[in-house]
C-alpha atoms as a PDB file:
ATOM      1  CA  UNK A   1     153.052 109.659 163.088  1.00  0.00           C
ATOM      2  CA  UNK A   2     150.197 107.175 163.505  1.00  0.00           C
ATOM      3  CA  UNK A   3     148.833 106.872 159.985  1.00  0.00           C
ATOM      4  CA  UNK A   4     145.909 104.694 161.105  1.00  0.00           C
ATOM      5  CA  UNK A   5     144.758 107.059 163.856  1.00  0.00           C
ATOM      6  CA  UNK A   6     141.269 108.554 163.405  1.00  0.00           C
ATOM      7  CA  UNK A   7     140.229 111.970 164.671  1.00  0.00           C
ATOM      8  CA  UNK A   8     137.087 113.481 166.157  1.00  0.00           C
ATOM      9  CA  UNK A   9     136.307 115.635 163.124  1.00  0.00           C
ATOM     10  CA  UNK A  10     132.793 117.126 163.184  1.00  0.00           C
ATOM     11  CA  UNK A  11     133.089 119.908 160.575  1.00  0.00           C
ATOM     12  CA  UNK A  12     134.939 119.837 157.242  1.00  0.00           C
ATOM     13  CA  UNK A  13     135.443 123.011 155.183  1.00  0.00           C
ATOM     14  CA  UNK A  14     135.982 122.211 151.517  1.00  0.00           C
ATOM     15  CA  UNK A  15     137.064 124.614 148.820  1.00  0.00           C
ATOM     16  CA  UNK A  16     135.331 123.806 145.530  1.00  0.00           C
ATOM     17  CA  UNK A  17     137.365 124.761 142.451  1.00  0.00           C
ATOM     18  CA  UNK A  18     140.686 122.945 142.379  1.00  0.00           C
ATOM     19  CA  UNK A  19     139.786 120.976 145.493  1.00  0.00           C
ATOM     20  CA  UNK A  20     136.564 118.981 145.748  1.00  0.00           C
ATOM     21  CA  UNK A  21     135.684 119.523 142.062  1.00  0.00           C
ATOM     22  CA  UNK A  22     137.778 118.130 139.229  1.00  0.00           C
ATOM     23  CA  UNK A  23     139.389 120.359 136.633  1.00  0.00           C
ATOM     24  CA  UNK A  24     136.256 119.832 134.529  1.00  0.00           C
ATOM     25  CA  UNK A  25     134.096 121.096 137.457  1.00  0.00           C
ATOM     26  CA  UNK A  26     132.740 117.624 138.228  1.00  0.00           C
ATOM     27  CA  UNK A  27     131.886 116.166 141.625  1.00  0.00           C
ATOM     28  CA  UNK A  28     132.761 112.496 141.184  1.00  0.00           C
ATOM     29  CA  UNK A  29     130.365 109.803 142.346  1.00  0.00           C
ATOM     30  CA  UNK A  30     132.943 108.449 144.786  1.00  0.00           C
ATOM     31  CA  UNK A  31     133.636 111.827 146.376  1.00  0.00           C
ATOM     32  CA  UNK A  32     129.904 112.492 146.657  1.00  0.00           C
ATOM     33  CA  UNK A  33     129.415 109.148 148.418  1.00  0.00           C
ATOM     34  CA  UNK A  34     132.174 110.033 150.891  1.00  0.00           C
ATOM     35  CA  UNK A  35     130.573 113.402 151.660  1.00  0.00           C
ATOM     36  CA  UNK A  36     127.149 111.808 152.137  1.00  0.00           C
ATOM     37  CA  UNK A  37     128.665 109.168 154.426  1.00  0.00           C
ATOM     38  CA  UNK A  38     130.105 111.926 156.596  1.00  0.00           C
ATOM     39  CA  UNK A  39     126.798 113.790 156.712  1.00  0.00           C
ATOM     40  CA  UNK A  40     124.975 110.590 157.655  1.00  0.00           C
ATOM     41  CA  UNK A  41     127.336 110.320 160.650  1.00  0.00           C
ATOM     42  CA  UNK A  42     126.565 113.858 161.816  1.00  0.00           C
ATOM     43  CA  UNK A  43     129.756 115.378 160.381  1.00  0.00           C
ATOM     44  CA  UNK A  44     128.961 118.732 158.774  1.00  0.00           C
ATOM     45  CA  UNK A  45     130.317 119.232 155.248  1.00  0.00           C
ATOM     46  CA  UNK A  46     130.824 122.909 154.439  1.00  0.00           C
ATOM     47  CA  UNK A  47     131.459 123.973 150.838  1.00  0.00           C
ATOM     48  CA  UNK A  48     133.831 126.904 151.399  1.00  0.00           C
ATOM     49  CA  UNK A  49     134.126 128.880 148.217  1.00  0.00           C
ATOM     50  CA  UNK A  50     134.827 132.245 146.698  1.00  0.00           C
ATOM     51  CA  UNK A  51     131.647 131.855 144.659  1.00  0.00           C
ATOM     52  CA  UNK A  52     128.435 133.695 145.396  1.00  0.00           C
ATOM     53  CA  UNK A  53     125.342 131.692 146.308  1.00  0.00           C
ATOM     54  CA  UNK A  54     123.934 131.917 142.768  1.00  0.00           C
ATOM     55  CA  UNK A  55     127.068 130.207 141.396  1.00  0.00           C
ATOM     56  CA  UNK A  56     126.750 127.054 143.516  1.00  0.00           C
ATOM     57  CA  UNK A  57     125.894 124.110 141.221  1.00  0.00           C
ATOM     58  CA  UNK A  58     122.621 122.298 141.857  1.00  0.00           C
ATOM     59  CA  UNK A  59     124.433 118.984 142.207  1.00  0.00           C
ATOM     60  CA  UNK A  60     126.148 120.371 145.327  1.00  0.00           C
ATOM     61  CA  UNK A  61     122.975 121.807 146.817  1.00  0.00           C
ATOM     62  CA  UNK A  62     121.305 118.431 146.342  1.00  0.00           C
ATOM     63  CA  UNK A  63     123.826 116.442 148.400  1.00  0.00           C
ATOM     64  CA  UNK A  64     121.714 114.616 150.951  1.00  0.00           C
ATOM     65  CA  UNK A  65     122.069 116.210 154.385  1.00  0.00           C
ATOM     66  CA  UNK A  66     124.079 119.267 153.271  1.00  0.00           C
ATOM     67  CA  UNK A  67     122.997 122.256 155.353  1.00  0.00           C
ATOM     68  CA  UNK A  68     125.603 125.048 155.354  1.00  0.00           C
ATOM     69  CA  UNK A  69     127.596 126.882 152.661  1.00  0.00           C
ATOM     70  CA  UNK A  70     130.481 129.334 153.155  1.00  0.00           C
ATOM     71  CA  UNK A  71     130.328 131.872 150.334  1.00  0.00           C
ATOM     72  CA  UNK A  72     132.340 134.731 148.817  1.00  0.00           C
ATOM     73  CA  UNK A  73     135.534 133.816 150.704  1.00  0.00           C
ATOM     74  CA  UNK A  74     133.774 133.904 154.068  1.00  0.00           C
ATOM     75  CA  UNK A  75     131.603 137.000 153.647  1.00  0.00           C
ATOM     76  CA  UNK A  76     128.496 134.864 154.124  1.00  0.00           C
ATOM     77  CA  UNK A  77     127.405 131.558 155.640  1.00  0.00           C
ATOM     78  CA  UNK A  78     124.056 130.340 154.386  1.00  0.00           C
ATOM     79  CA  UNK A  79     121.772 127.827 156.102  1.00  0.00           C
ATOM     80  CA  UNK A  80     120.044 125.820 153.372  1.00  0.00           C
ATOM     81  CA  UNK A  81     117.599 124.172 155.777  1.00  0.00           C
ATOM     82  CA  UNK A  82     116.376 127.478 157.206  1.00  0.00           C
ATOM     83  CA  UNK A  83     116.865 129.293 153.866  1.00  0.00           C
ATOM     84  CA  UNK A  84     118.645 132.220 155.474  1.00  0.00           C
ATOM     85  CA  UNK A  85     122.033 133.782 156.053  1.00  0.00           C
ATOM     86  CA  UNK A  86     123.373 133.080 159.542  1.00  0.00           C
ATOM     87  CA  UNK A  87     126.694 134.945 159.339  1.00  0.00           C
ATOM     88  CA  UNK A  88     127.987 137.856 157.276  1.00  0.00           C
ATOM     89  CA  UNK A  89     131.140 139.961 157.075  1.00  0.00           C
ATOM     90  CA  UNK A  90     130.780 142.339 154.149  1.00  0.00           C
ATOM     91  CA  UNK A  91     132.153 145.608 152.838  1.00  0.00           C
ATOM     92  CA  UNK A  92     129.652 148.305 153.939  1.00  0.00           C
ATOM     93  CA  UNK A  93     127.747 149.662 150.943  1.00  0.00           C
ATOM     94  CA  UNK A  94     128.960 153.206 151.629  1.00  0.00           C
ATOM     95  CA  UNK A  95     132.565 152.034 151.419  1.00  0.00           C
ATOM     96  CA  UNK A  96     131.790 150.025 148.297  1.00  0.00           C
ATOM     97  CA  UNK A  97     130.472 153.196 146.674  1.00  0.00           C
ATOM     98  CA  UNK A  98     133.790 154.913 147.374  1.00  0.00           C
ATOM     99  CA  UNK A  99     135.683 151.999 145.844  1.00  0.00           C
ATOM    100  CA  UNK A 100     133.993 152.283 142.447  1.00  0.00           C
ATOM    101  CA  UNK A 101     136.051 155.345 141.470  1.00  0.00           C
ATOM    102  CA  UNK A 102     139.170 153.758 142.992  1.00  0.00           C
ATOM    103  CA  UNK A 103     138.731 150.569 140.947  1.00  0.00           C
ATOM    104  CA  UNK A 104     138.061 152.465 137.724  1.00  0.00           C
ATOM    105  CA  UNK A 105     141.588 153.887 137.785  1.00  0.00           C
ATOM    106  CA  UNK A 106     143.050 150.420 137.199  1.00  0.00           C
ATOM    107  CA  UNK A 107     141.358 150.106 133.798  1.00  0.00           C
ATOM    108  CA  UNK A 108     140.403 146.459 134.143  1.00  0.00           C
ATOM    109  CA  UNK A 109     137.408 144.199 134.727  1.00  0.00           C
ATOM    110  CA  UNK A 110     135.693 144.199 138.119  1.00  0.00           C
ATOM    111  CA  UNK A 111     132.349 143.083 139.488  1.00  0.00           C
ATOM    112  CA  UNK A 112     130.593 143.110 142.868  1.00  0.00           C
ATOM    113  CA  UNK A 113     129.045 140.199 144.771  1.00  0.00           C
ATOM    114  CA  UNK A 114     125.961 141.262 146.717  1.00  0.00           C
ATOM    115  CA  UNK A 115     122.559 139.833 147.601  1.00  0.00           C
ATOM    116  CA  UNK A 116     123.838 136.346 146.840  1.00  0.00           C
ATOM    117  CA  UNK A 117     125.049 136.848 143.268  1.00  0.00           C
ATOM    118  CA  UNK A 118     127.476 138.766 141.065  1.00  0.00           C
ATOM    119  CA  UNK A 119     126.719 142.082 139.351  1.00  0.00           C
ATOM    120  CA  UNK A 120     128.699 143.107 136.279  1.00  0.00           C
ATOM    121  CA  UNK A 121     128.524 146.281 134.223  1.00  0.00           C
ATOM    122  CA  UNK A 122     127.767 145.828 130.523  1.00  0.00           C
ATOM    123  CA  UNK A 123     131.170 147.307 129.578  1.00  0.00           C
ATOM    124  CA  UNK A 124     132.787 144.290 131.277  1.00  0.00           C
ATOM    125  CA  UNK A 125     130.115 141.612 130.844  1.00  0.00           C
ATOM    126  CA  UNK A 126     130.028 142.083 127.072  1.00  0.00           C
ATOM    127  CA  UNK A 127     133.828 142.052 126.677  1.00  0.00           C
ATOM    128  CA  UNK A 128     135.176 139.240 128.854  1.00  0.00           C
ATOM    129  CA  UNK A 129     137.466 138.177 126.010  1.00  0.00           C
ATOM    130  CA  UNK A 130     139.522 141.328 126.633  1.00  0.00           C
ATOM    131  CA  UNK A 131     140.640 140.143 130.076  1.00  0.00           C
ATOM    132  CA  UNK A 132     142.278 136.762 129.397  1.00  0.00           C
ATOM    133  CA  UNK A 133     139.459 134.835 131.128  1.00  0.00           C
ATOM    134  CA  UNK A 134     139.652 131.109 130.418  1.00  0.00           C
ATOM    135  CA  UNK A 135     136.624 129.585 128.629  1.00  0.00           C
ATOM    136  CA  UNK A 136     135.348 127.539 131.614  1.00  0.00           C
ATOM    137  CA  UNK A 137     135.698 130.588 133.890  1.00  0.00           C
ATOM    138  CA  UNK A 138     133.998 132.802 131.310  1.00  0.00           C
ATOM    139  CA  UNK A 139     131.051 130.398 131.279  1.00  0.00           C
ATOM    140  CA  UNK A 140     130.780 130.612 135.065  1.00  0.00           C
ATOM    141  CA  UNK A 141     131.072 134.412 135.019  1.00  0.00           C
ATOM    142  CA  UNK A 142     128.341 134.888 132.426  1.00  0.00           C
ATOM    143  CA  UNK A 143     125.972 132.457 134.146  1.00  0.00           C
ATOM    144  CA  UNK A 144     126.416 133.779 137.686  1.00  0.00           C
ATOM    145  CA  UNK A 145     126.516 137.567 137.096  1.00  0.00           C
ATOM    146  CA  UNK A 146     123.609 139.857 136.326  1.00  0.00           C
ATOM    147  CA  UNK A 147     124.384 142.373 133.591  1.00  0.00           C
ATOM    148  CA  UNK A 148     123.756 145.967 134.683  1.00  0.00           C
ATOM    149  CA  UNK A 149     124.382 149.363 133.106  1.00  0.00           C
ATOM    150  CA  UNK A 150     125.953 151.161 136.068  1.00  0.00           C
ATOM    151  CA  UNK A 151     127.455 149.810 139.284  1.00  0.00           C
ATOM    152  CA  UNK A 152     127.166 153.202 140.927  1.00  0.00           C
ATOM    153  CA  UNK A 153     123.486 153.488 140.065  1.00  0.00           C
ATOM    154  CA  UNK A 154     122.826 149.911 141.227  1.00  0.00           C
ATOM    155  CA  UNK A 155     124.531 150.598 144.562  1.00  0.00           C
ATOM    156  CA  UNK A 156     122.664 153.865 145.049  1.00  0.00           C
ATOM    157  CA  UNK A 157     119.348 152.064 144.575  1.00  0.00           C
ATOM    158  CA  UNK A 158     120.049 148.858 146.505  1.00  0.00           C
ATOM    159  CA  UNK A 159     122.502 150.014 149.190  1.00  0.00           C
ATOM    160  CA  UNK A 160     123.513 146.389 149.675  1.00  0.00           C
ATOM    161  CA  UNK A 161     126.611 145.313 151.621  1.00  0.00           C
ATOM    162  CA  UNK A 162     129.197 143.876 149.220  1.00  0.00           C
ATOM    163  CA  UNK A 163     130.381 140.340 149.903  1.00  0.00           C
ATOM    164  CA  UNK A 164     133.333 140.444 147.539  1.00  0.00           C
ATOM    165  CA  UNK A 165     134.817 142.370 144.639  1.00  0.00           C
ATOM    166  CA  UNK A 166     136.365 140.318 141.853  1.00  0.00           C
ATOM    167  CA  UNK A 167     138.871 141.619 139.291  1.00  0.00           C
ATOM    168  CA  UNK A 168     140.342 140.048 136.132  1.00  0.00           C
ATOM    169  CA  UNK A 169     143.539 141.156 134.381  1.00  0.00           C
ATOM    170  CA  UNK A 170     144.773 140.617 130.845  1.00  0.00           C
ATOM    171  CA  UNK A 171     148.309 141.435 132.050  1.00  0.00           C
ATOM    172  CA  UNK A 172     149.793 139.420 134.907  1.00  0.00           C
ATOM    173  CA  UNK A 173     152.324 142.172 135.516  1.00  0.00           C
ATOM    174  CA  UNK A 174     149.530 144.687 135.955  1.00  0.00           C
ATOM    175  CA  UNK A 175     147.741 142.265 138.273  1.00  0.00           C
ATOM    176  CA  UNK A 176     150.861 142.064 140.442  1.00  0.00           C
ATOM    177  CA  UNK A 177     151.110 145.862 140.625  1.00  0.00           C
ATOM    178  CA  UNK A 178     147.466 146.271 141.614  1.00  0.00           C
ATOM    179  CA  UNK A 179     147.688 143.475 144.185  1.00  0.00           C
ATOM    180  CA  UNK A 180     150.640 145.161 145.870  1.00  0.00           C
ATOM    181  CA  UNK A 181     148.777 148.459 145.984  1.00  0.00           C
ATOM    182  CA  UNK A 182     145.645 146.843 147.447  1.00  0.00           C
ATOM    183  CA  UNK A 183     147.750 145.389 150.252  1.00  0.00           C
ATOM    184  CA  UNK A 184     148.327 148.951 151.457  1.00  0.00           C
ATOM    185  CA  UNK A 185     144.588 149.713 151.837  1.00  0.00           C
ATOM    186  CA  UNK A 186     143.862 149.144 155.572  1.00  0.00           C
ATOM    187  CA  UNK A 187     140.210 148.082 155.372  1.00  0.00           C
ATOM    188  CA  UNK A 188     140.535 145.655 152.453  1.00  0.00           C
ATOM    189  CA  UNK A 189     141.813 142.074 152.262  1.00  0.00           C
ATOM    190  CA  UNK A 190     142.988 141.107 148.753  1.00  0.00           C
ATOM    191  CA  UNK A 191     143.559 137.490 147.810  1.00  0.00           C
ATOM    192  CA  UNK A 192     143.191 135.349 144.689  1.00  0.00           C
ATOM    193  CA  UNK A 193     141.934 132.000 143.452  1.00  0.00           C
ATOM    194  CA  UNK A 194     143.153 132.200 139.838  1.00  0.00           C
ATOM    195  CA  UNK A 195     146.432 133.291 138.304  1.00  0.00           C
ATOM    196  CA  UNK A 196     144.886 136.360 136.670  1.00  0.00           C
ATOM    197  CA  UNK A 197     142.350 137.532 139.255  1.00  0.00           C
ATOM    198  CA  UNK A 198     142.213 139.467 142.514  1.00  0.00           C
ATOM    199  CA  UNK A 199     139.438 138.995 145.059  1.00  0.00           C
ATOM    200  CA  UNK A 200     138.765 141.763 147.567  1.00  0.00           C
ATOM    201  CA  UNK A 201     136.964 141.233 150.865  1.00  0.00           C
ATOM    202  CA  UNK A 202     136.507 143.351 153.960  1.00  0.00           C
ATOM    203  CA  UNK A 203     139.668 143.389 156.065  1.00  0.00           C
ATOM    204  CA  UNK A 204     138.202 141.141 158.791  1.00  0.00           C
ATOM    205  CA  UNK A 205     136.790 138.638 156.292  1.00  0.00           C
ATOM    206  CA  UNK A 206     138.363 135.304 155.362  1.00  0.00           C
ATOM    207  CA  UNK A 207     137.429 131.686 154.886  1.00  0.00           C
ATOM    208  CA  UNK A 208     139.243 130.849 158.100  1.00  0.00           C
ATOM    209  CA  UNK A 209     137.305 133.400 160.145  1.00  0.00           C
ATOM    210  CA  UNK A 210     133.958 132.218 158.759  1.00  0.00           C
ATOM    211  CA  UNK A 211     134.817 128.542 159.193  1.00  0.00           C
ATOM    212  CA  UNK A 212     135.713 128.993 162.845  1.00  0.00           C
ATOM    213  CA  UNK A 213     132.677 131.242 163.391  1.00  0.00           C
ATOM    214  CA  UNK A 214     130.445 128.384 162.229  1.00  0.00           C
ATOM    215  CA  UNK A 215     132.382 125.990 164.450  1.00  0.00           C
ATOM    216  CA  UNK A 216     131.610 128.256 167.395  1.00  0.00           C
ATOM    217  CA  UNK A 217     127.927 128.396 166.442  1.00  0.00           C
ATOM    218  CA  UNK A 218     127.891 124.594 166.353  1.00  0.00           C
ATOM    219  CA  UNK A 219     129.730 124.328 169.667  1.00  0.00           C
ATOM    220  CA  UNK A 220     132.846 122.730 168.174  1.00  0.00           C
ATOM    221  CA  UNK A 221     136.476 123.091 169.220  1.00  0.00           C
ATOM    222  CA  UNK A 222     139.230 123.827 166.662  1.00  0.00           C
ATOM    223  CA  UNK A 223     140.578 120.265 166.857  1.00  0.00           C
ATOM    224  CA  UNK A 224     137.183 119.036 165.578  1.00  0.00           C
ATOM    225  CA  UNK A 225     137.520 121.085 162.381  1.00  0.00           C
ATOM    226  CA  UNK A 226     139.229 120.040 159.148  1.00  0.00           C
ATOM    227  CA  UNK A 227     139.774 122.153 156.024  1.00  0.00           C
ATOM    228  CA  UNK A 228     140.886 121.290 152.484  1.00  0.00           C
ATOM    229  CA  UNK A 229     142.051 123.743 149.842  1.00  0.00           C
ATOM    230  CA  UNK A 230     144.444 124.547 147.034  1.00  0.00           C
ATOM    231  CA  UNK A 231     144.660 128.325 146.633  1.00  0.00           C
ATOM    232  CA  UNK A 232     145.731 131.516 148.346  1.00  0.00           C
ATOM    233  CA  UNK A 233     142.159 132.269 149.430  1.00  0.00           C
ATOM    234  CA  UNK A 234     142.123 128.918 151.286  1.00  0.00           C
ATOM    235  CA  UNK A 235     145.227 129.666 153.319  1.00  0.00           C
ATOM    236  CA  UNK A 236     143.394 131.196 156.296  1.00  0.00           C
ATOM    237  CA  UNK A 237     141.185 128.162 156.862  1.00  0.00           C
ATOM    238  CA  UNK A 238     144.082 125.734 156.367  1.00  0.00           C
ATOM    239  CA  UNK A 239     145.849 127.571 159.204  1.00  0.00           C
ATOM    240  CA  UNK A 240     142.755 127.955 161.413  1.00  0.00           C
ATOM    241  CA  UNK A 241     141.471 124.386 161.285  1.00  0.00           C
ATOM    242  CA  UNK A 242     142.692 121.691 163.615  1.00  0.00           C
ATOM    243  CA  UNK A 243     143.694 119.702 160.539  1.00  0.00           C
ATOM    244  CA  UNK A 244     144.639 121.640 157.415  1.00  0.00           C
ATOM    245  CA  UNK A 245     144.839 119.638 154.180  1.00  0.00           C
ATOM    246  CA  UNK A 246     146.458 120.880 150.969  1.00  0.00           C
ATOM    247  CA  UNK A 247     145.824 119.416 147.548  1.00  0.00           C
ATOM    248  CA  UNK A 248     148.813 118.069 145.620  1.00  0.00           C
ATOM    249  CA  UNK A 249     147.866 120.553 142.882  1.00  0.00           C
ATOM    250  CA  UNK A 250     147.777 123.418 145.403  1.00  0.00           C
ATOM    251  CA  UNK A 251     149.934 126.513 145.642  1.00  0.00           C
ATOM    252  CA  UNK A 252     153.232 126.185 147.517  1.00  0.00           C
ATOM    253  CA  UNK A 253     152.091 128.533 150.305  1.00  0.00           C
ATOM    254  CA  UNK A 254     149.125 126.256 151.023  1.00  0.00           C
ATOM    255  CA  UNK A 255     151.256 123.121 151.065  1.00  0.00           C
ATOM    256  CA  UNK A 256     153.739 124.752 153.423  1.00  0.00           C
ATOM    257  CA  UNK A 257     150.976 125.719 155.872  1.00  0.00           C
ATOM    258  CA  UNK A 258     149.151 122.373 155.743  1.00  0.00           C
ATOM    259  CA  UNK A 259     149.432 119.451 158.107  1.00  0.00           C
ATOM    260  CA  UNK A 260     148.667 116.975 155.371  1.00  0.00           C
ATOM    261  CA  UNK A 261     149.072 116.874 151.597  1.00  0.00           C
ATOM    262  CA  UNK A 262     146.598 114.689 149.743  1.00  0.00           C
ATOM    263  CA  UNK A 263     146.238 113.721 146.084  1.00  0.00           C
ATOM    264  CA  UNK A 264     145.157 116.143 143.357  1.00  0.00           C
ATOM    265  CA  UNK A 265     141.586 117.239 142.759  1.00  0.00           C
ATOM    266  CA  UNK A 266     141.501 115.025 139.657  1.00  0.00           C
ATOM    267  CA  UNK A 267     142.557 112.048 141.804  1.00  0.00           C
ATOM    268  CA  UNK A 268     139.762 112.549 144.361  1.00  0.00           C
ATOM    269  CA  UNK A 269     142.197 113.925 146.915  1.00  0.00           C
ATOM    270  CA  UNK A 270     139.423 115.232 149.183  1.00  0.00           C
ATOM    271  CA  UNK A 271     137.895 111.752 149.450  1.00  0.00           C
ATOM    272  CA  UNK A 272     141.314 110.285 150.248  1.00  0.00           C
ATOM    273  CA  UNK A 273     141.993 112.836 152.994  1.00  0.00           C
ATOM    274  CA  UNK A 274     138.596 112.310 154.626  1.00  0.00           C
ATOM    275  CA  UNK A 275     139.071 108.551 154.600  1.00  0.00           C
ATOM    276  CA  UNK A 276     142.472 108.980 156.200  1.00  0.00           C
ATOM    277  CA  UNK A 277     141.197 111.004 159.160  1.00  0.00           C
ATOM    278  CA  UNK A 278     137.680 109.618 159.605  1.00  0.00           C
ATOM    279  CA  UNK A 279     136.687 106.003 160.098  1.00  0.00           C
ATOM    280  CA  UNK A 280     134.184 105.254 157.351  1.00  0.00           C
ATOM    281  CA  UNK A 281     134.382 101.484 157.575  1.00  0.00           C
ATOM    282  CA  UNK A 282     131.011  99.930 156.999  1.00  0.00           C
ATOM    283  CA  UNK A 283     129.890 102.823 154.821  1.00  0.00           C
ATOM    284  CA  UNK A 284     130.139 100.807 151.613  1.00  0.00           C
ATOM    285  CA  UNK A 285     132.738 103.117 150.030  1.00  0.00           C
ATOM    286  CA  UNK A 286     136.165 102.055 148.787  1.00  0.00           C
ATOM    287  CA  UNK A 287     139.279 103.353 150.495  1.00  0.00           C
ATOM    288  CA  UNK A 288     141.897 105.423 148.676  1.00  0.00           C
ATOM    289  CA  UNK A 289     145.564 104.603 148.432  1.00  0.00           C
ATOM    290  CA  UNK A 290     148.380 106.281 150.342  1.00  0.00           C
ATOM    291  CA  UNK A 291     148.835 110.039 150.343  1.00  0.00           C
ATOM    292  CA  UNK A 292     151.609 112.315 151.552  1.00  0.00           C
ATOM    293  CA  UNK A 293     151.734 113.282 155.209  1.00  0.00           C
ATOM    294  CA  UNK A 294     153.480 116.289 156.741  1.00  0.00           C
ATOM    295  CA  UNK A 295     154.994 116.052 160.193  1.00  0.00           C
ATOM    296  CA  UNK A 296     153.597 117.897 163.187  1.00  0.00           C
ATOM    297  CA  UNK A 297     149.924 117.133 163.015  1.00  0.00           C
ATOM    298  CA  UNK A 298     149.772 115.620 166.496  1.00  0.00           C
ATOM    299  CA  UNK A 299     151.116 118.788 168.069  1.00  0.00           C
ATOM    300  CA  UNK A 300     148.668 121.172 166.420  1.00  0.00           C
END
């Protein structure tokens, strides 16, 4: 393979947690400079996350030139410049109402993402410690969810399409059982981004579908799209993009599907992968060292 070859990449989908952000949820100065260099060259940078819009950190929104965000695992694409949603693929509110009783039978935490943020019943919001939620995740949950008394009542009043349903489990064995059951529900697409959670989207929804939908809107071909990720919920966009990049800290299924394996998120692996595929000479940024390359990229 030609390791010095550069590609006509015009859109880059980037997972956030475990990918572009460090373990401490930091966007390093070097990675930020790489992203801004791409944007200055007309290459769209697309944060592609399972988070709702309200959970996107200000330091990401403030990246100079950033316009689009892929949210809730692909249920929404938001245009920051126009301040509006330009694509959605949600669970219809009527179906979400039916799922409330179904989810209650599992006896574990769940919340709904709708209208750009998370909504959590008080019985869950006030007892996150019962569901083995790590401290840094707990902080994100409490800051990005609105505490409500009743999900059913909220849905009856708002009738809002649901972007995503998130579940946490104290028992990993129970999580496995529920995940296997959810796989049998025809109109739902379960995935995960953490070891103890399940994320439920509409059956046609995925990061890959949303990423390629934006590419189509922008008039781009698949070979002009790159995607970077580490988790199961990134797998669809790793497969869909012309160049799929897995983080060294990623799950095995992501690495197996990727064309390219870069460094870890704590080693600025996203910056290294971008520098490998895009010519940023003259941008004033320093180049990364070597990374691991999988065979077959030229035939994709």
